[in-house]
Amino acid sequence: MATYQELKAQADELIRQANEIRKVENKEMIIRIREMIREHGITADQLGFAPAGKGSRTKVPAKYRDPMTGKTWSGRGRTPLWLDGPREAYAI
């Protein structure tokens, strides 16, 4: 009968082998999927994927303006360094 340590070593080796085979199979599958997508002209929208980052946010109008440089700030995010003192003085 095998010892715990022997069985543990066998299990670890099987997991390592399975991970290597999975990497190879994943690469092959990605190649096949890309070929099918290209062949059929399928788009990301048809697959239900959202467009990548750009344009997904709506632009917020500026609320404050630096009179010296003309830079603006919408009031969201980190407060710019030029906005010192009461915000009403910089309101647009």
N, C-alpha and C. Protein backbone atom coordinates (compact mmCIF):
# COMPACT_ATOMS: atom_id res chain seq x y z
N MET A 1 0.86 -1.18 0.00
CA MET A 1 0.00 0.00 0.00
C MET A 1 0.90 1.25 0.00
N ALA A 2 0.49 2.26 -0.77
CA ALA A 2 1.28 3.48 -0.90
C ALA A 2 1.10 4.36 0.34
N THR A 3 2.10 5.13 0.64
CA THR A 3 2.02 6.05 1.77
C THR A 3 1.33 7.35 1.34
N TYR A 4 0.96 8.12 2.34
CA TYR A 4 0.34 9.41 2.07
C TYR A 4 1.25 10.29 1.21
N GLN A 5 2.52 10.33 1.55
CA GLN A 5 3.47 11.18 0.83
C GLN A 5 3.60 10.74 -0.63
N GLU A 6 3.59 9.44 -0.89
CA GLU A 6 3.67 8.94 -2.26
C GLU A 6 2.43 9.33 -3.06
N LEU A 7 1.27 9.14 -2.42
CA LEU A 7 0.03 9.51 -3.10
C LEU A 7 -0.06 11.01 -3.35
N LYS A 8 0.41 11.79 -2.38
CA LYS A 8 0.42 13.26 -2.53
C LYS A 8 1.34 13.65 -3.68
N ALA A 9 2.50 13.04 -3.81
CA ALA A 9 3.43 13.33 -4.91
C ALA A 9 2.81 12.97 -6.25
N GLN A 10 2.11 11.82 -6.30
CA GLN A 10 1.45 11.42 -7.54
C GLN A 10 0.35 12.41 -7.92
N ALA A 11 -0.42 12.85 -6.93
CA ALA A 11 -1.49 13.81 -7.18
C ALA A 11 -0.92 15.14 -7.68
N ASP A 12 0.15 15.60 -7.06
CA ASP A 12 0.78 16.84 -7.49
C ASP A 12 1.29 16.74 -8.92
N GLU A 13 1.87 15.60 -9.27
CA GLU A 13 2.37 15.39 -10.62
C GLU A 13 1.22 15.36 -11.63
N LEU A 14 0.12 14.71 -11.28
CA LEU A 14 -1.04 14.67 -12.17
C LEU A 14 -1.62 16.07 -12.38
N ILE A 15 -1.67 16.86 -11.33
CA ILE A 15 -2.17 18.24 -11.44
C ILE A 15 -1.26 19.06 -12.35
N ARG A 16 0.06 18.88 -12.20
CA ARG A 16 1.01 19.60 -13.06
C ARG A 16 0.81 19.21 -14.52
N GLN A 17 0.66 17.91 -14.79
CA GLN A 17 0.45 17.44 -16.15
C GLN A 17 -0.86 17.96 -16.73
N ALA A 18 -1.91 17.94 -15.91
CA ALA A 18 -3.21 18.43 -16.36
C ALA A 18 -3.15 19.91 -16.72
N ASN A 19 -2.43 20.70 -15.93
CA ASN A 19 -2.30 22.13 -16.21
C ASN A 19 -1.54 22.37 -17.51
N GLU A 20 -0.50 21.57 -17.77
CA GLU A 20 0.25 21.72 -19.02
C GLU A 20 -0.61 21.39 -20.23
N ILE A 21 -1.36 20.29 -20.12
CA ILE A 21 -2.24 19.88 -21.23
C ILE A 21 -3.33 20.92 -21.44
N ARG A 22 -3.85 21.47 -20.37
CA ARG A 22 -4.91 22.48 -20.50
C ARG A 22 -4.39 23.72 -21.22
N LYS A 23 -3.16 24.15 -20.93
CA LYS A 23 -2.59 25.31 -21.62
C LYS A 23 -2.51 25.07 -23.12
N VAL A 24 -2.05 23.87 -23.51
CA VAL A 24 -1.94 23.53 -24.93
C VAL A 24 -3.32 23.51 -25.58
N GLU A 25 -4.27 22.85 -24.92
CA GLU A 25 -5.63 22.77 -25.47
C GLU A 25 -6.27 24.15 -25.57
N ASN A 26 -6.04 25.01 -24.59
CA ASN A 26 -6.60 26.36 -24.64
C ASN A 26 -6.06 27.13 -25.84
N LYS A 27 -4.75 27.03 -26.10
CA LYS A 27 -4.16 27.72 -27.25
C LYS A 27 -4.78 27.22 -28.54
N GLU A 28 -4.94 25.91 -28.66
CA GLU A 28 -5.54 25.33 -29.86
C GLU A 28 -7.00 25.78 -30.01
N MET A 29 -7.74 25.80 -28.92
CA MET A 29 -9.14 26.20 -28.96
C MET A 29 -9.28 27.67 -29.36
N ILE A 30 -8.41 28.52 -28.84
CA ILE A 30 -8.46 29.94 -29.19
C ILE A 30 -8.22 30.12 -30.68
N ILE A 31 -7.28 29.39 -31.24
CA ILE A 31 -7.00 29.47 -32.67
C ILE A 31 -8.24 29.05 -33.46
N ARG A 32 -8.87 27.94 -33.06
CA ARG A 32 -10.07 27.46 -33.78
C ARG A 32 -11.21 28.46 -33.68
N ILE A 33 -11.42 29.02 -32.49
CA ILE A 33 -12.51 30.00 -32.30
C ILE A 33 -12.27 31.23 -33.16
N ARG A 34 -11.03 31.74 -33.18
CA ARG A 34 -10.73 32.91 -33.99
C ARG A 34 -10.97 32.64 -35.47
N GLU A 35 -10.59 31.45 -35.94
CA GLU A 35 -10.82 31.09 -37.34
C GLU A 35 -12.31 31.06 -37.66
N MET A 36 -13.11 30.49 -36.76
CA MET A 36 -14.56 30.43 -36.98
C MET A 36 -15.18 31.82 -36.98
N ILE A 37 -14.75 32.66 -36.06
CA ILE A 37 -15.27 34.03 -35.99
C ILE A 37 -14.94 34.77 -37.28
N ARG A 38 -13.69 34.65 -37.72
CA ARG A 38 -13.26 35.32 -38.95
C ARG A 38 -14.04 34.78 -40.16
N GLU A 39 -14.21 33.46 -40.23
CA GLU A 39 -14.90 32.82 -41.35
C GLU A 39 -16.35 33.25 -41.45
N HIS A 40 -17.02 33.40 -40.32
CA HIS A 40 -18.44 33.73 -40.32
C HIS A 40 -18.71 35.22 -40.13
N GLY A 41 -17.69 36.02 -39.93
CA GLY A 41 -17.86 37.46 -39.78
C GLY A 41 -18.64 37.85 -38.54
N ILE A 42 -18.44 37.13 -37.46
CA ILE A 42 -19.16 37.41 -36.22
C ILE A 42 -18.48 38.56 -35.49
N THR A 43 -19.31 39.45 -34.91
CA THR A 43 -18.77 40.59 -34.17
C THR A 43 -18.89 40.35 -32.66
N ALA A 44 -18.16 41.15 -31.90
CA ALA A 44 -18.21 41.05 -30.44
C ALA A 44 -19.61 41.36 -29.92
N ASP A 45 -20.31 42.30 -30.57
CA ASP A 45 -21.67 42.63 -30.16
C ASP A 45 -22.60 41.42 -30.32
N GLN A 46 -22.44 40.68 -31.40
CA GLN A 46 -23.26 39.50 -31.62
C GLN A 46 -23.01 38.43 -30.57
N LEU A 47 -21.80 38.39 -30.04
CA LEU A 47 -21.47 37.42 -29.01
C LEU A 47 -21.89 37.89 -27.62
N GLY A 48 -22.34 39.14 -27.51
CA GLY A 48 -22.80 39.67 -26.24
C GLY A 48 -21.73 40.35 -25.42
N PHE A 49 -20.60 40.68 -26.05
CA PHE A 49 -19.53 41.37 -25.34
C PHE A 49 -19.71 42.87 -25.51
N ALA A 50 -19.52 43.61 -24.42
CA ALA A 50 -19.63 45.06 -24.46
C ALA A 50 -18.43 45.64 -25.17
N PRO A 51 -18.60 46.77 -25.84
CA PRO A 51 -17.45 47.41 -26.47
C PRO A 51 -16.40 47.79 -25.43
N ALA A 52 -15.15 47.75 -25.83
CA ALA A 52 -14.04 48.02 -24.92
C ALA A 52 -14.04 49.48 -24.48
N GLY A 53 -14.01 49.71 -23.19
CA GLY A 53 -13.85 50.96 -22.49
C GLY A 53 -14.22 52.27 -23.13
N LYS A 54 -13.71 52.55 -24.30
CA LYS A 54 -13.87 53.88 -24.88
C LYS A 54 -15.34 54.18 -25.18
N GLY A 55 -15.76 55.35 -24.78
CA GLY A 55 -17.10 55.81 -25.09
C GLY A 55 -18.18 55.26 -24.19
N SER A 56 -17.84 54.42 -23.23
CA SER A 56 -18.87 53.84 -22.39
C SER A 56 -19.30 54.80 -21.27
N ARG A 57 -18.51 55.84 -21.03
CA ARG A 57 -18.86 56.81 -20.00
C ARG A 57 -19.41 58.08 -20.65
N THR A 58 -20.37 58.68 -19.97
CA THR A 58 -20.89 59.94 -20.46
C THR A 58 -20.06 61.08 -19.89
N LYS A 59 -19.81 62.07 -20.70
CA LYS A 59 -19.00 63.20 -20.25
C LYS A 59 -19.87 64.14 -19.41
N VAL A 60 -19.33 64.55 -18.29
CA VAL A 60 -20.04 65.43 -17.37
C VAL A 60 -19.59 66.86 -17.65
N PRO A 61 -20.53 67.80 -17.74
CA PRO A 61 -20.13 69.19 -18.01
C PRO A 61 -19.33 69.78 -16.86
N ALA A 62 -18.44 70.70 -17.20
CA ALA A 62 -17.59 71.35 -16.21
C ALA A 62 -18.42 72.27 -15.31
N LYS A 63 -18.07 72.29 -14.03
CA LYS A 63 -18.74 73.17 -13.07
C LYS A 63 -17.83 74.30 -12.59
N TYR A 64 -16.51 74.07 -12.70
CA TYR A 64 -15.55 75.04 -12.20
C TYR A 64 -14.48 75.32 -13.25
N ARG A 65 -13.99 76.59 -13.27
CA ARG A 65 -12.95 76.97 -14.22
C ARG A 65 -11.88 77.78 -13.51
N ASP A 66 -10.61 77.47 -13.86
CA ASP A 66 -9.48 78.24 -13.34
C ASP A 66 -9.35 79.49 -14.20
N PRO A 67 -9.51 80.69 -13.62
CA PRO A 67 -9.45 81.91 -14.43
C PRO A 67 -8.07 82.19 -15.02
N MET A 68 -7.02 81.63 -14.41
CA MET A 68 -5.66 81.88 -14.90
C MET A 68 -5.33 81.02 -16.12
N THR A 69 -5.69 79.74 -16.08
CA THR A 69 -5.29 78.82 -17.16
C THR A 69 -6.45 78.40 -18.05
N GLY A 70 -7.67 78.57 -17.56
CA GLY A 70 -8.83 78.13 -18.33
C GLY A 70 -9.16 76.65 -18.14
N LYS A 71 -8.39 75.96 -17.31
CA LYS A 71 -8.67 74.55 -17.04
C LYS A 71 -10.00 74.43 -16.31
N THR A 72 -10.70 73.31 -16.57
CA THR A 72 -12.00 73.10 -15.95
C THR A 72 -12.00 71.81 -15.14
N TRP A 73 -13.02 71.71 -14.27
CA TRP A 73 -13.23 70.53 -13.44
C TRP A 73 -14.72 70.32 -13.30
N SER A 74 -15.14 69.07 -13.41
CA SER A 74 -16.57 68.75 -13.36
C SER A 74 -17.10 68.62 -11.93
N GLY A 75 -16.22 68.57 -10.95
CA GLY A 75 -16.66 68.37 -9.58
C GLY A 75 -16.59 66.91 -9.18
N ARG A 76 -16.15 66.05 -10.11
CA ARG A 76 -16.01 64.63 -9.81
C ARG A 76 -14.53 64.27 -9.75
N GLY A 77 -14.23 63.30 -8.92
CA GLY A 77 -12.85 62.86 -8.80
C GLY A 77 -12.05 63.75 -7.87
N ARG A 78 -10.75 63.63 -7.99
CA ARG A 78 -9.83 64.37 -7.13
C ARG A 78 -9.90 65.88 -7.42
N THR A 79 -9.92 66.68 -6.36
CA THR A 79 -9.98 68.13 -6.51
C THR A 79 -8.65 68.63 -7.08
N PRO A 80 -8.70 69.43 -8.16
CA PRO A 80 -7.46 69.93 -8.74
C PRO A 80 -6.76 70.92 -7.79
N LEU A 81 -5.44 71.00 -7.95
CA LEU A 81 -4.65 71.87 -7.07
C LEU A 81 -4.98 73.34 -7.26
N TRP A 82 -5.39 73.74 -8.45
CA TRP A 82 -5.67 75.16 -8.70
C TRP A 82 -6.94 75.62 -7.99
N LEU A 83 -7.78 74.68 -7.55
CA LEU A 83 -9.03 75.07 -6.90
C LEU A 83 -8.78 75.20 -5.40
N ASP A 84 -8.31 76.40 -5.01
CA ASP A 84 -8.09 76.65 -3.59
C ASP A 84 -9.03 77.76 -3.15
N GLY A 85 -9.52 77.66 -1.95
CA GLY A 85 -10.48 78.64 -1.48
C GLY A 85 -11.89 78.15 -1.75
N PRO A 86 -12.86 79.05 -1.61
CA PRO A 86 -14.26 78.67 -1.81
C PRO A 86 -14.53 78.31 -3.28
N ARG A 87 -15.24 77.22 -3.48
CA ARG A 87 -15.52 76.76 -4.85
C ARG A 87 -16.42 77.73 -5.62
N GLU A 88 -17.23 78.47 -4.90
CA GLU A 88 -18.15 79.40 -5.58
C GLU A 88 -17.37 80.41 -6.42
N ALA A 89 -16.16 80.73 -6.02
CA ALA A 89 -15.37 81.72 -6.77
C ALA A 89 -14.94 81.18 -8.12
N TYR A 90 -14.94 79.85 -8.29
CA TYR A 90 -14.51 79.22 -9.55
C TYR A 90 -15.69 78.68 -10.35
N ALA A 91 -16.90 78.83 -9.85
CA ALA A 91 -18.08 78.27 -10.52
C ALA A 91 -18.27 78.90 -11.91
N ILE A 92 -18.72 78.08 -12.81
CA ILE A 92 -18.97 78.55 -14.19
C ILE A 92 -20.41 79.04 -14.28
